[in-house]
Amino acid sequence: TRAVTLAETVLAHVLADAGSADASLGFAALTDAAGYEAALRTRTDPIFGTFYAGRGLTWSLTIEPVTTSESSGDWTAAVDLSATTPQYRRVTVTVSWTDPGGQARTLDLAVIVADLS
């Protein structure tokens, strides 16, 4: 469906950005969730934003706090940012739309991004 395609497309950009060596991107850019999402929209809206918005689909991101492999998946646990263990964030894109019957619908799709540097 279009919602799945939009969610996958947004997450593909997130994954590419998280692995980027560009100074304005990379894993660290996800620390400022609102700023990252605004910058991502600025870059992607000309490409696919108008197409999906014109069909009633919108998207938003939820970027979880940093966790490590030692925190057992507890996304709320405090993390020692000076540790040498790999750090992770869960990033969820939520796509929203109204179906032909007038019912509000949402689709959540998530990925785990890692800072392995």
PDB file of N, CA and C in Angstrom:
ATOM      1  N   THR A   1       0.833  -1.186   0.000  1.00  0.00           N
ATOM      2  CA  THR A   1       0.000   0.000   0.000  1.00  0.00           C
ATOM      3  C   THR A   1       0.879   1.251   0.000  1.00  0.00           C
ATOM      4  N   ARG A   2       0.242   2.363  -0.230  1.00  0.00           N
ATOM      5  CA  ARG A   2       0.998   3.622  -0.240  1.00  0.00           C
ATOM      6  C   ARG A   2       1.562   3.955   1.133  1.00  0.00           C
ATOM      7  N   ALA A   3       0.827   3.615   2.178  1.00  0.00           N
ATOM      8  CA  ALA A   3       1.314   3.905   3.535  1.00  0.00           C
ATOM      9  C   ALA A   3       2.600   3.142   3.825  1.00  0.00           C
ATOM     10  N   VAL A   4       2.645   1.882   3.435  1.00  0.00           N
ATOM     11  CA  VAL A   4       3.852   1.073   3.648  1.00  0.00           C
ATOM     12  C   VAL A   4       5.010   1.644   2.838  1.00  0.00           C
ATOM     13  N   THR A   5       4.749   1.994   1.596  1.00  0.00           N
ATOM     14  CA  THR A   5       5.800   2.546   0.737  1.00  0.00           C
ATOM     15  C   THR A   5       6.336   3.855   1.307  1.00  0.00           C
ATOM     16  N   LEU A   6       5.454   4.713   1.793  1.00  0.00           N
ATOM     17  CA  LEU A   6       5.901   5.974   2.396  1.00  0.00           C
ATOM     18  C   LEU A   6       6.749   5.704   3.637  1.00  0.00           C
ATOM     19  N   ALA A   7       6.292   4.813   4.511  1.00  0.00           N
ATOM     20  CA  ALA A   7       7.051   4.497   5.725  1.00  0.00           C
ATOM     21  C   ALA A   7       8.423   3.932   5.379  1.00  0.00           C
ATOM     22  N   GLU A   8       8.473   3.015   4.425  1.00  0.00           N
ATOM     23  CA  GLU A   8       9.756   2.428   4.019  1.00  0.00           C
ATOM     24  C   GLU A   8      10.688   3.473   3.426  1.00  0.00           C
ATOM     25  N   THR A   9      10.136   4.388   2.653  1.00  0.00           N
ATOM     26  CA  THR A   9      10.949   5.426   2.019  1.00  0.00           C
ATOM     27  C   THR A   9      11.544   6.367   3.067  1.00  0.00           C
ATOM     28  N   VAL A  10      10.733   6.778   4.026  1.00  0.00           N
ATOM     29  CA  VAL A  10      11.236   7.649   5.093  1.00  0.00           C
ATOM     30  C   VAL A  10      12.333   6.933   5.876  1.00  0.00           C
ATOM     31  N   LEU A  11      12.093   5.672   6.237  1.00  0.00           N
ATOM     32  CA  LEU A  11      13.089   4.933   7.015  1.00  0.00           C
ATOM     33  C   LEU A  11      14.357   4.667   6.217  1.00  0.00           C
ATOM     34  N   ALA A  12      14.252   4.506   4.916  1.00  0.00           N
ATOM     35  CA  ALA A  12      15.457   4.347   4.089  1.00  0.00           C
ATOM     36  C   ALA A  12      16.326   5.595   4.183  1.00  0.00           C
ATOM     37  N   HIS A  13      15.700   6.764   4.198  1.00  0.00           N
ATOM     38  CA  HIS A  13      16.449   8.013   4.360  1.00  0.00           C
ATOM     39  C   HIS A  13      17.075   8.094   5.750  1.00  0.00           C
ATOM     40  N   VAL A  14      16.340   7.677   6.772  1.00  0.00           N
ATOM     41  CA  VAL A  14      16.868   7.688   8.140  1.00  0.00           C
ATOM     42  C   VAL A  14      18.096   6.789   8.235  1.00  0.00           C
ATOM     43  N   LEU A  15      18.001   5.583   7.686  1.00  0.00           N
ATOM     44  CA  LEU A  15      19.134   4.651   7.733  1.00  0.00           C
ATOM     45  C   LEU A  15      20.345   5.214   7.002  1.00  0.00           C
ATOM     46  N   ALA A  16      20.108   5.802   5.838  1.00  0.00           N
ATOM     47  CA  ALA A  16      21.217   6.391   5.080  1.00  0.00           C
ATOM     48  C   ALA A  16      21.836   7.551   5.851  1.00  0.00           C
ATOM     49  N   ASP A  17      20.992   8.389   6.436  1.00  0.00           N
ATOM     50  CA  ASP A  17      21.496   9.527   7.206  1.00  0.00           C
ATOM     51  C   ASP A  17      22.291   9.072   8.420  1.00  0.00           C
ATOM     52  N   ALA A  18      21.783   8.076   9.136  1.00  0.00           N
ATOM     53  CA  ALA A  18      22.451   7.607  10.356  1.00  0.00           C
ATOM     54  C   ALA A  18      23.836   7.049  10.058  1.00  0.00           C
ATOM     55  N   GLY A  19      24.024   6.497   8.884  1.00  0.00           N
ATOM     56  CA  GLY A  19      25.320   5.945   8.510  1.00  0.00           C
ATOM     57  C   GLY A  19      26.215   6.913   7.770  1.00  0.00           C
ATOM     58  N   SER A  20      25.740   8.130   7.573  1.00  0.00           N
ATOM     59  CA  SER A  20      26.483   9.113   6.794  1.00  0.00           C
ATOM     60  C   SER A  20      27.664   9.695   7.570  1.00  0.00           C
ATOM     61  N   ALA A  21      28.721   9.998   6.836  1.00  0.00           N
ATOM     62  CA  ALA A  21      29.883  10.675   7.417  1.00  0.00           C
ATOM     63  C   ALA A  21      29.738  12.196   7.339  1.00  0.00           C
ATOM     64  N   ASP A  22      28.676  12.690   6.703  1.00  0.00           N
ATOM     65  CA  ASP A  22      28.428  14.121   6.589  1.00  0.00           C
ATOM     66  C   ASP A  22      28.303  14.724   7.989  1.00  0.00           C
ATOM     67  N   ALA A  23      28.913  15.868   8.194  1.00  0.00           N
ATOM     68  CA  ALA A  23      28.933  16.507   9.518  1.00  0.00           C
ATOM     69  C   ALA A  23      27.535  16.847  10.032  1.00  0.00           C
ATOM     70  N   SER A  24      26.582  17.116   9.145  1.00  0.00           N
ATOM     71  CA  SER A  24      25.232  17.479   9.584  1.00  0.00           C
ATOM     72  C   SER A  24      24.320  16.266   9.735  1.00  0.00           C
ATOM     73  N   LEU A  25      24.829  15.096   9.416  1.00  0.00           N
ATOM     74  CA  LEU A  25      24.022  13.879   9.508  1.00  0.00           C
ATOM     75  C   LEU A  25      24.679  12.919  10.490  1.00  0.00           C
ATOM     76  N   GLY A  26      24.637  11.653  10.203  1.00  0.00           N
ATOM     77  CA  GLY A  26      25.226  10.663  11.094  1.00  0.00           C
ATOM     78  C   GLY A  26      24.332  10.380  12.290  1.00  0.00           C
ATOM     79  N   PHE A  27      24.752   9.430  13.088  1.00  0.00           N
ATOM     80  CA  PHE A  27      23.991   8.998  14.263  1.00  0.00           C
ATOM     81  C   PHE A  27      23.739  10.163  15.219  1.00  0.00           C
ATOM     82  N   ALA A  28      24.702  11.050  15.357  1.00  0.00           N
ATOM     83  CA  ALA A  28      24.574  12.176  16.292  1.00  0.00           C
ATOM     84  C   ALA A  28      23.438  13.118  15.916  1.00  0.00           C
ATOM     85  N   ALA A  29      23.102  13.218  14.638  1.00  0.00           N
ATOM     86  CA  ALA A  29      22.023  14.113  14.208  1.00  0.00           C
ATOM     87  C   ALA A  29      20.680  13.709  14.805  1.00  0.00           C
ATOM     88  N   LEU A  30      20.533  12.446  15.158  1.00  0.00           N
ATOM     89  CA  LEU A  30      19.271  11.961  15.715  1.00  0.00           C
ATOM     90  C   LEU A  30      19.041  12.437  17.147  1.00  0.00           C
ATOM     91  N   THR A  31      20.063  13.015  17.770  1.00  0.00           N
ATOM     92  CA  THR A  31      19.934  13.529  19.133  1.00  0.00           C
ATOM     93  C   THR A  31      18.895  14.638  19.198  1.00  0.00           C
ATOM     94  N   ASP A  32      18.871  15.494  18.198  1.00  0.00           N
ATOM     95  CA  ASP A  32      17.877  16.570  18.102  1.00  0.00           C
ATOM     96  C   ASP A  32      16.752  16.071  17.201  1.00  0.00           C
ATOM     97  N   ALA A  33      15.808  15.345  17.784  1.00  0.00           N
ATOM     98  CA  ALA A  33      14.762  14.685  16.998  1.00  0.00           C
ATOM     99  C   ALA A  33      13.950  15.675  16.163  1.00  0.00           C
ATOM    100  N   ALA A  34      13.527  16.770  16.771  1.00  0.00           N
ATOM    101  CA  ALA A  34      12.710  17.744  16.040  1.00  0.00           C
ATOM    102  C   ALA A  34      13.508  18.394  14.914  1.00  0.00           C
ATOM    103  N   GLY A  35      14.749  18.747  15.198  1.00  0.00           N
ATOM    104  CA  GLY A  35      15.602  19.346  14.174  1.00  0.00           C
ATOM    105  C   GLY A  35      15.896  18.381  13.045  1.00  0.00           C
ATOM    106  N   TYR A  36      16.148  17.116  13.404  1.00  0.00           N
ATOM    107  CA  TYR A  36      16.418  16.113  12.373  1.00  0.00           C
ATOM    108  C   TYR A  36      15.194  15.918  11.484  1.00  0.00           C
ATOM    109  N   GLU A  37      14.010  15.789  12.095  1.00  0.00           N
ATOM    110  CA  GLU A  37      12.799  15.580  11.296  1.00  0.00           C
ATOM    111  C   GLU A  37      12.537  16.775  10.378  1.00  0.00           C
ATOM    112  N   ALA A  38      12.732  17.987  10.882  1.00  0.00           N
ATOM    113  CA  ALA A  38      12.526  19.183  10.052  1.00  0.00           C
ATOM    114  C   ALA A  38      13.486  19.189   8.865  1.00  0.00           C
ATOM    115  N   ALA A  39      14.753  18.854   9.118  1.00  0.00           N
ATOM    116  CA  ALA A  39      15.740  18.815   8.028  1.00  0.00           C
ATOM    117  C   ALA A  39      15.409  17.716   7.031  1.00  0.00           C
ATOM    118  N   LEU A  40      14.955  16.575   7.531  1.00  0.00           N
ATOM    119  CA  LEU A  40      14.575  15.472   6.640  1.00  0.00           C
ATOM    120  C   LEU A  40      13.397  15.876   5.760  1.00  0.00           C
ATOM    121  N   ARG A  41      12.418  16.540   6.336  1.00  0.00           N
ATOM    122  CA  ARG A  41      11.268  17.003   5.541  1.00  0.00           C
ATOM    123  C   ARG A  41      11.708  18.008   4.474  1.00  0.00           C
ATOM    124  N   THR A  42      12.615  18.905   4.839  1.00  0.00           N
ATOM    125  CA  THR A  42      13.107  19.889   3.874  1.00  0.00           C
ATOM    126  C   THR A  42      13.740  19.200   2.671  1.00  0.00           C
ATOM    127  N   ARG A  43      14.479  18.129   2.941  1.00  0.00           N
ATOM    128  CA  ARG A  43      15.145  17.405   1.852  1.00  0.00           C
ATOM    129  C   ARG A  43      14.209  16.502   1.061  1.00  0.00           C
ATOM    130  N   THR A  44      13.213  15.920   1.724  1.00  0.00           N
ATOM    131  CA  THR A  44      12.396  14.908   1.046  1.00  0.00           C
ATOM    132  C   THR A  44      11.067  15.413   0.500  1.00  0.00           C
ATOM    133  N   ASP A  45      10.512  16.475   1.059  1.00  0.00           N
ATOM    134  CA  ASP A  45       9.214  16.946   0.574  1.00  0.00           C
ATOM    135  C   ASP A  45       9.195  17.229  -0.926  1.00  0.00           C
ATOM    136  N   PRO A  46      10.242  17.841  -1.485  1.00  0.00           N
ATOM    137  CA  PRO A  46      10.216  18.052  -2.938  1.00  0.00           C
ATOM    138  C   PRO A  46      10.227  16.737  -3.733  1.00  0.00           C
ATOM    139  N   ILE A  47      10.731  15.678  -3.132  1.00  0.00           N
ATOM    140  CA  ILE A  47      10.828  14.401  -3.834  1.00  0.00           C
ATOM    141  C   ILE A  47       9.526  13.625  -3.749  1.00  0.00           C
ATOM    142  N   PHE A  48       9.032  13.411  -2.537  1.00  0.00           N
ATOM    143  CA  PHE A  48       7.830  12.588  -2.412  1.00  0.00           C
ATOM    144  C   PHE A  48       6.746  13.172  -1.514  1.00  0.00           C
ATOM    145  N   GLY A  49       7.006  14.276  -0.862  1.00  0.00           N
ATOM    146  CA  GLY A  49       6.030  14.849   0.056  1.00  0.00           C
ATOM    147  C   GLY A  49       4.728  15.252  -0.592  1.00  0.00           C
ATOM    148  N   THR A  50       4.795  15.926  -1.710  1.00  0.00           N
ATOM    149  CA  THR A  50       3.595  16.392  -2.389  1.00  0.00           C
ATOM    150  C   THR A  50       2.741  15.228  -2.869  1.00  0.00           C
ATOM    151  N   PHE A  51       3.383  14.194  -3.386  1.00  0.00           N
ATOM    152  CA  PHE A  51       2.653  13.026  -3.890  1.00  0.00           C
ATOM    153  C   PHE A  51       1.799  12.405  -2.790  1.00  0.00           C
ATOM    154  N   TYR A  52       2.415  12.129  -1.644  1.00  0.00           N
ATOM    155  CA  TYR A  52       1.686  11.457  -0.568  1.00  0.00           C
ATOM    156  C   TYR A  52       0.713  12.395   0.137  1.00  0.00           C
ATOM    157  N   ALA A  53       1.103  13.640   0.352  1.00  0.00           N
ATOM    158  CA  ALA A  53       0.202  14.600   0.994  1.00  0.00           C
ATOM    159  C   ALA A  53      -1.048  14.799   0.149  1.00  0.00           C
ATOM    160  N   GLY A  54      -0.880  14.807  -1.165  1.00  0.00           N
ATOM    161  CA  GLY A  54      -2.014  14.948  -2.067  1.00  0.00           C
ATOM    162  C   GLY A  54      -2.967  13.772  -2.026  1.00  0.00           C
ATOM    163  N   ARG A  55      -2.523  12.680  -1.449  1.00  0.00           N
ATOM    164  CA  ARG A  55      -3.356  11.486  -1.308  1.00  0.00           C
ATOM    165  C   ARG A  55      -3.785  11.271   0.144  1.00  0.00           C
ATOM    166  N   GLY A  56      -3.557  12.303   0.963  1.00  0.00           N
ATOM    167  CA  GLY A  56      -4.041  12.275   2.335  1.00  0.00           C
ATOM    168  C   GLY A  56      -3.161  11.567   3.340  1.00  0.00           C
ATOM    169  N   LEU A  57      -1.926  11.253   2.968  1.00  0.00           N
ATOM    170  CA  LEU A  57      -1.018  10.572   3.890  1.00  0.00           C
ATOM    171  C   LEU A  57      -0.041  11.572   4.500  1.00  0.00           C
ATOM    172  N   THR A  58       0.157  11.476   5.801  1.00  0.00           N
ATOM    173  CA  THR A  58       1.147  12.284   6.504  1.00  0.00           C
ATOM    174  C   THR A  58       2.045  11.347   7.302  1.00  0.00           C
ATOM    175  N   TRP A  59       3.216  11.856   7.692  1.00  0.00           N
ATOM    176  CA  TRP A  59       4.127  11.022   8.479  1.00  0.00           C
ATOM    177  C   TRP A  59       4.785  11.842   9.574  1.00  0.00           C
ATOM    178  N   SER A  60       5.220  11.119  10.608  1.00  0.00           N
ATOM    179  CA  SER A  60       5.982  11.726  11.696  1.00  0.00           C
ATOM    180  C   SER A  60       6.985  10.699  12.202  1.00  0.00           C
ATOM    181  N   LEU A  61       8.014  11.192  12.879  1.00  0.00           N
ATOM    182  CA  LEU A  61       9.049  10.316  13.430  1.00  0.00           C
ATOM    183  C   LEU A  61       9.019  10.339  14.951  1.00  0.00           C
ATOM    184  N   THR A  62       9.343   9.198  15.530  1.00  0.00           N
ATOM    185  CA  THR A  62       9.628   9.096  16.956  1.00  0.00           C
ATOM    186  C   THR A  62      11.031   8.521  17.063  1.00  0.00           C
ATOM    187  N   ILE A  63      11.931   9.275  17.676  1.00  0.00           N
ATOM    188  CA  ILE A  63      13.317   8.835  17.832  1.00  0.00           C
ATOM    189  C   ILE A  63      13.545   8.595  19.319  1.00  0.00           C
ATOM    190  N   GLU A  64      13.779   7.342  19.673  1.00  0.00           N
ATOM    191  CA  GLU A  64      13.943   6.950  21.075  1.00  0.00           C
ATOM    192  C   GLU A  64      15.322   7.376  21.590  1.00  0.00           C
ATOM    193  N   PRO A  65      15.456   7.488  22.909  1.00  0.00           N
ATOM    194  CA  PRO A  65      16.766   7.795  23.491  1.00  0.00           C
ATOM    195  C   PRO A  65      17.781   6.691  23.182  1.00  0.00           C
ATOM    196  N   VAL A  66      19.036   7.031  23.335  1.00  0.00           N
ATOM    197  CA  VAL A  66      20.113   6.067  23.096  1.00  0.00           C
ATOM    198  C   VAL A  66      20.030   4.934  24.109  1.00  0.00           C
ATOM    199  N   THR A  67      20.304   3.733  23.641  1.00  0.00           N
ATOM    200  CA  THR A  67      20.459   2.575  24.512  1.00  0.00           C
ATOM    201  C   THR A  67      21.697   1.814  24.046  1.00  0.00           C
ATOM    202  N   THR A  68      22.125   0.844  24.817  1.00  0.00           N
ATOM    203  CA  THR A  68      23.271   0.019  24.427  1.00  0.00           C
ATOM    204  C   THR A  68      22.871  -1.438  24.479  1.00  0.00           C
ATOM    205  N   SER A  69      23.742  -2.279  23.981  1.00  0.00           N
ATOM    206  CA  SER A  69      23.468  -3.715  24.014  1.00  0.00           C
ATOM    207  C   SER A  69      23.413  -4.229  25.445  1.00  0.00           C
ATOM    208  N   GLU A  70      23.949  -3.466  26.376  1.00  0.00           N
ATOM    209  CA  GLU A  70      23.972  -3.885  27.775  1.00  0.00           C
ATOM    210  C   GLU A  70      22.749  -3.428  28.555  1.00  0.00           C
ATOM    211  N   SER A  71      21.866  -2.668  27.945  1.00  0.00           N
ATOM    212  CA  SER A  71      20.697  -2.169  28.677  1.00  0.00           C
ATOM    213  C   SER A  71      19.459  -3.019  28.425  1.00  0.00           C
ATOM    214  N   SER A  72      19.636  -4.176  27.809  1.00  0.00           N
ATOM    215  CA  SER A  72      18.569  -5.169  27.641  1.00  0.00           C
ATOM    216  C   SER A  72      17.325  -4.627  26.960  1.00  0.00           C
ATOM    217  N   GLY A  73      17.502  -3.718  26.027  1.00  0.00           N
ATOM    218  CA  GLY A  73      16.360  -3.205  25.283  1.00  0.00           C
ATOM    219  C   GLY A  73      15.491  -2.235  26.049  1.00  0.00           C
ATOM    220  N   ASP A  74      15.943  -1.784  27.206  1.00  0.00           N
ATOM    221  CA  ASP A  74      15.195  -0.808  27.979  1.00  0.00           C
ATOM    222  C   ASP A  74      15.490   0.568  27.409  1.00  0.00           C
ATOM    223  N   TRP A  75      14.583   1.078  26.594  1.00  0.00           N
ATOM    224  CA  TRP A  75      14.803   2.336  25.884  1.00  0.00           C
ATOM    225  C   TRP A  75      14.749   3.536  26.807  1.00  0.00           C
ATOM    226  N   THR A  76      14.385   3.316  28.076  1.00  0.00           N
ATOM    227  CA  THR A  76      14.329   4.432  29.021  1.00  0.00           C
ATOM    228  C   THR A  76      15.504   4.427  29.986  1.00  0.00           C
ATOM    229  N   ALA A  77      16.353   3.414  29.916  1.00  0.00           N
ATOM    230  CA  ALA A  77      17.487   3.314  30.838  1.00  0.00           C
ATOM    231  C   ALA A  77      18.531   4.381  30.531  1.00  0.00           C
ATOM    232  N   ALA A  78      19.182   4.853  31.581  1.00  0.00           N
ATOM    233  CA  ALA A  78      20.274   5.811  31.399  1.00  0.00           C
ATOM    234  C   ALA A  78      21.447   5.108  30.728  1.00  0.00           C
ATOM    235  N   VAL A  79      22.102   5.813  29.836  1.00  0.00           N
ATOM    236  CA  VAL A  79      23.213   5.236  29.085  1.00  0.00           C
ATOM    237  C   VAL A  79      24.455   6.078  29.319  1.00  0.00           C
ATOM    238  N   ASP A  80      25.558   5.409  29.569  1.00  0.00           N
ATOM    239  CA  ASP A  80      26.847   6.080  29.696  1.00  0.00           C
ATOM    240  C   ASP A  80      27.346   6.376  28.287  1.00  0.00           C
ATOM    241  N   LEU A  81      27.220   7.631  27.870  1.00  0.00           N
ATOM    242  CA  LEU A  81      27.571   7.990  26.495  1.00  0.00           C
ATOM    243  C   LEU A  81      29.067   7.941  26.233  1.00  0.00           C
ATOM    244  N   SER A  82      29.868   7.763  27.273  1.00  0.00           N
ATOM    245  CA  SER A  82      31.309   7.640  27.063  1.00  0.00           C
ATOM    246  C   SER A  82      31.720   6.177  26.910  1.00  0.00           C
ATOM    247  N   ALA A  83      30.778   5.276  27.052  1.00  0.00           N
ATOM    248  CA  ALA A  83      31.083   3.844  26.950  1.00  0.00           C
ATOM    249  C   ALA A  83      31.504   3.488  25.529  1.00  0.00           C
ATOM    250  N   THR A  84      32.269   2.421  25.426  1.00  0.00           N
ATOM    251  CA  THR A  84      32.736   1.991  24.107  1.00  0.00           C
ATOM    252  C   THR A  84      31.824   0.946  23.488  1.00  0.00           C
ATOM    253  N   THR A  85      30.775   0.548  24.179  1.00  0.00           N
ATOM    254  CA  THR A  85      29.844  -0.416  23.595  1.00  0.00           C
ATOM    255  C   THR A  85      28.997   0.280  22.538  1.00  0.00           C
ATOM    256  N   PRO A  86      28.572  -0.454  21.523  1.00  0.00           N
ATOM    257  CA  PRO A  86      27.748   0.165  20.475  1.00  0.00           C
ATOM    258  C   PRO A  86      26.470   0.780  21.051  1.00  0.00           C
ATOM    259  N   GLN A  87      26.087   1.901  20.493  1.00  0.00           N
ATOM    260  CA  GLN A  87      24.879   2.597  20.923  1.00  0.00           C
ATOM    261  C   GLN A  87      23.822   2.476  19.839  1.00  0.00           C
ATOM    262  N   TYR A  88      22.565   2.418  20.271  1.00  0.00           N
ATOM    263  CA  TYR A  88      21.448   2.209  19.359  1.00  0.00           C
ATOM    264  C   TYR A  88      20.340   3.203  19.648  1.00  0.00           C
ATOM    265  N   ARG A  89      19.526   3.420  18.639  1.00  0.00           N
ATOM    266  CA  ARG A  89      18.277   4.166  18.794  1.00  0.00           C
ATOM    267  C   ARG A  89      17.216   3.435  17.984  1.00  0.00           C
ATOM    268  N   ARG A  90      16.022   3.411  18.518  1.00  0.00           N
ATOM    269  CA  ARG A  90      14.886   2.912  17.739  1.00  0.00           C
ATOM    270  C   ARG A  90      14.208   4.125  17.112  1.00  0.00           C
ATOM    271  N   VAL A  91      13.983   4.068  15.810  1.00  0.00           N
ATOM    272  CA  VAL A  91      13.319   5.149  15.089  1.00  0.00           C
ATOM    273  C   VAL A  91      12.044   4.574  14.483  1.00  0.00           C
ATOM    274  N   THR A  92      10.921   5.216  14.795  1.00  0.00           N
ATOM    275  CA  THR A  92       9.623   4.766  14.291  1.00  0.00           C
ATOM    276  C   THR A  92       9.030   5.855  13.417  1.00  0.00           C
ATOM    277  N   VAL A  93       8.561   5.465  12.248  1.00  0.00           N
ATOM    278  CA  VAL A  93       7.800   6.390  11.412  1.00  0.00           C
ATOM    279  C   VAL A  93       6.334   5.986  11.533  1.00  0.00           C
ATOM    280  N   THR A  94       5.492   6.982  11.750  1.00  0.00           N
ATOM    281  CA  THR A  94       4.051   6.766  11.821  1.00  0.00           C
ATOM    282  C   THR A  94       3.418   7.454  10.626  1.00  0.00           C
ATOM    283  N   VAL A  95       2.716   6.682   9.822  1.00  0.00           N
ATOM    284  CA  VAL A  95       1.992   7.218   8.669  1.00  0.00           C
ATOM    285  C   VAL A  95       0.511   7.246   9.042  1.00  0.00           C
ATOM    286  N   SER A  96      -0.135   8.371   8.789  1.00  0.00           N
ATOM    287  CA  SER A  96      -1.553   8.537   9.119  1.00  0.00           C
ATOM    288  C   SER A  96      -2.340   8.899   7.871  1.00  0.00           C
ATOM    289  N   TRP A  97      -3.585   8.423   7.809  1.00  0.00           N
ATOM    290  CA  TRP A  97      -4.471   8.729   6.699  1.00  0.00           C
ATOM    291  C   TRP A  97      -5.900   8.409   7.112  1.00  0.00           C
ATOM    292  N   THR A  98      -6.844   8.824   6.312  1.00  0.00           N
ATOM    293  CA  THR A  98      -8.248   8.494   6.513  1.00  0.00           C
ATOM    294  C   THR A  98      -8.673   7.576   5.384  1.00  0.00           C
ATOM    295  N   ASP A  99      -9.265   6.434   5.746  1.00  0.00           N
ATOM    296  CA  ASP A  99      -9.668   5.479   4.711  1.00  0.00           C
ATOM    297  C   ASP A  99     -10.945   5.961   4.017  1.00  0.00           C
ATOM    298  N   PRO A 100     -11.341   5.307   2.924  1.00  0.00           N
ATOM    299  CA  PRO A 100     -12.527   5.755   2.176  1.00  0.00           C
ATOM    300  C   PRO A 100     -13.810   5.795   3.012  1.00  0.00           C
ATOM    301  N   GLY A 101     -13.870   5.022   4.083  1.00  0.00           N
ATOM    302  CA  GLY A 101     -15.044   5.028   4.951  1.00  0.00           C
ATOM    303  C   GLY A 101     -15.003   6.105   6.019  1.00  0.00           C
ATOM    304  N   GLY A 102     -13.948   6.936   6.008  1.00  0.00           N
ATOM    305  CA  GLY A 102     -13.824   8.020   6.973  1.00  0.00           C
ATOM    306  C   GLY A 102     -13.131   7.637   8.268  1.00  0.00           C
ATOM    307  N   GLN A 103     -12.611   6.412   8.343  1.00  0.00           N
ATOM    308  CA  GLN A 103     -11.922   5.931   9.543  1.00  0.00           C
ATOM    309  C   GLN A 103     -10.462   6.389   9.536  1.00  0.00           C
ATOM    310  N   ALA A 104     -10.017   6.980  10.647  1.00  0.00           N
ATOM    311  CA  ALA A 104      -8.611   7.373  10.778  1.00  0.00           C
ATOM    312  C   ALA A 104      -7.769   6.117  10.940  1.00  0.00           C
ATOM    313  N   ARG A 105      -6.685   6.054  10.199  1.00  0.00           N
ATOM    314  CA  ARG A 105      -5.788   4.893  10.227  1.00  0.00           C
ATOM    315  C   ARG A 105      -4.361   5.357  10.484  1.00  0.00           C
ATOM    316  N   THR A 106      -3.564   4.478  11.102  1.00  0.00           N
ATOM    317  CA  THR A 106      -2.133   4.734  11.271  1.00  0.00           C
ATOM    318  C   THR A 106      -1.365   3.446  11.034  1.00  0.00           C
ATOM    319  N   LEU A 107      -0.147   3.623  10.597  1.00  0.00           N
ATOM    320  CA  LEU A 107       0.784   2.517  10.412  1.00  0.00           C
ATOM    321  C   LEU A 107       2.097   2.930  11.049  1.00  0.00           C
ATOM    322  N   ASP A 108       2.614   2.102  11.946  1.00  0.00           N
ATOM    323  CA  ASP A 108       3.923   2.335  12.561  1.00  0.00           C
ATOM    324  C   ASP A 108       4.906   1.322  12.006  1.00  0.00           C
ATOM    325  N   LEU A 109       6.068   1.803  11.613  1.00  0.00           N
ATOM    326  CA  LEU A 109       7.144   0.937  11.143  1.00  0.00           C
ATOM    327  C   LEU A 109       8.424   1.441  11.792  1.00  0.00           C
ATOM    328  N   ALA A 110       9.201   0.530  12.391  1.00  0.00           N
ATOM    329  CA  ALA A 110      10.384   0.939  13.151  1.00  0.00           C
ATOM    330  C   ALA A 110      11.633   0.218  12.668  1.00  0.00           C
ATOM    331  N   VAL A 111      12.766   0.872  12.889  1.00  0.00           N
ATOM    332  CA  VAL A 111      14.080   0.282  12.643  1.00  0.00           C
ATOM    333  C   VAL A 111      14.969   0.620  13.834  1.00  0.00           C
ATOM    334  N   ILE A 112      16.032  -0.140  13.955  1.00  0.00           N
ATOM    335  CA  ILE A 112      17.059   0.147  14.947  1.00  0.00           C
ATOM    336  C   ILE A 112      18.268   0.672  14.186  1.00  0.00           C
ATOM    337  N   VAL A 113      18.757   1.841  14.588  1.00  0.00           N
ATOM    338  CA  VAL A 113      19.973   2.382  13.983  1.00  0.00           C
ATOM    339  C   VAL A 113      21.071   2.326  15.038  1.00  0.00           C
ATOM    340  N   ALA A 114      22.281   2.115  14.578  1.00  0.00           N
ATOM    341  CA  ALA A 114      23.403   1.938  15.498  1.00  0.00           C
ATOM    342  C   ALA A 114      24.531   2.897  15.174  1.00  0.00           C
ATOM    343  N   ASP A 115      25.232   3.290  16.221  1.00  0.00           N
ATOM    344  CA  ASP A 115      26.468   4.052  16.072  1.00  0.00           C
ATOM    345  C   ASP A 115      27.595   3.088  16.396  1.00  0.00           C
ATOM    346  N   LEU A 116      28.237   2.596  15.377  1.00  0.00           N
ATOM    347  CA  LEU A 116      29.292   1.610  15.563  1.00  0.00           C
ATOM    348  C   LEU A 116      30.679   2.225  15.477  1.00  0.00           C
ATOM    349  N   SER A 117      30.736   3.558  15.457  1.00  0.00           N
ATOM    350  CA  SER A 117      32.036   4.219  15.337  1.00  0.00           C
ATOM    351  C   SER A 117      32.825   4.156  16.621  1.00  0.00           C
TER     352      SER A 117
END
